[in-house]
């Protein structure tokens, strides 16, 4: 039986942009639904959870940042690609901090939009197809790639978004080696860094908040002009 095409919801209040994006994504063979605001998104989610959500930040009523926070808190969240105006740098950073996986500024190149979504879907598909992935132990954590589960030293489960899990797994596999920002961006998001791109720095900040112990040095060390490395906790 052939695989079902990925499900994508496009949340955009501008009908012209929404229709254009839906047509573009449907041309890739993906199954797409549109929504103009949070209420319409809620109706669309009743039909099934998508693999990805393309989410505009400037929505009427509940804004995109609030919606992204709710989606990222789900047990199995979809990948979230934010669409933002180029002047909204602070909103991009906040969006990444609360759980969005990637962002794209408006106006955007249609081919880049497709490439970004394809990279997110590839990561989601790879995660879903791992039936018996490697189990990593590093820095006091057990990282079960097959089950997409992280547990601490006391056996407590640590809830991570898809991008946070991918980052922790990459750092754990490196076994103490420094990984550059460009390497991590390509491995996690499937793209090269743009000038002043802070996506990895924001993702590291999010992950630190979930795995670091209060009053102790961060387990993820930033190495100037080099990248990041996962260290064993100090006794």
Foldseek 3Di string as FASTA:
>chain_A
DDDDAFEEEEAAQPVVVQVVLCVLVVVVVHHYHYHDAPVRVVVVCVVDATQEYEAEQDGPDDGRLVVLLVQQPDQAHHAYEYEEAPVPPVVQLSSLLSGHQYYDYPPGDSVVVVVQVVQSVVLSVVQQPQQADDWFADLQWTQGSNVRWIAGVVRHTFRDGSLLSQVVVVQRVVVFDFDAPQRSCCSRRVDGDDVVRCSVVSSVVNNQVGPPDPPFDGQWDQDPPTHIHGHHGDD
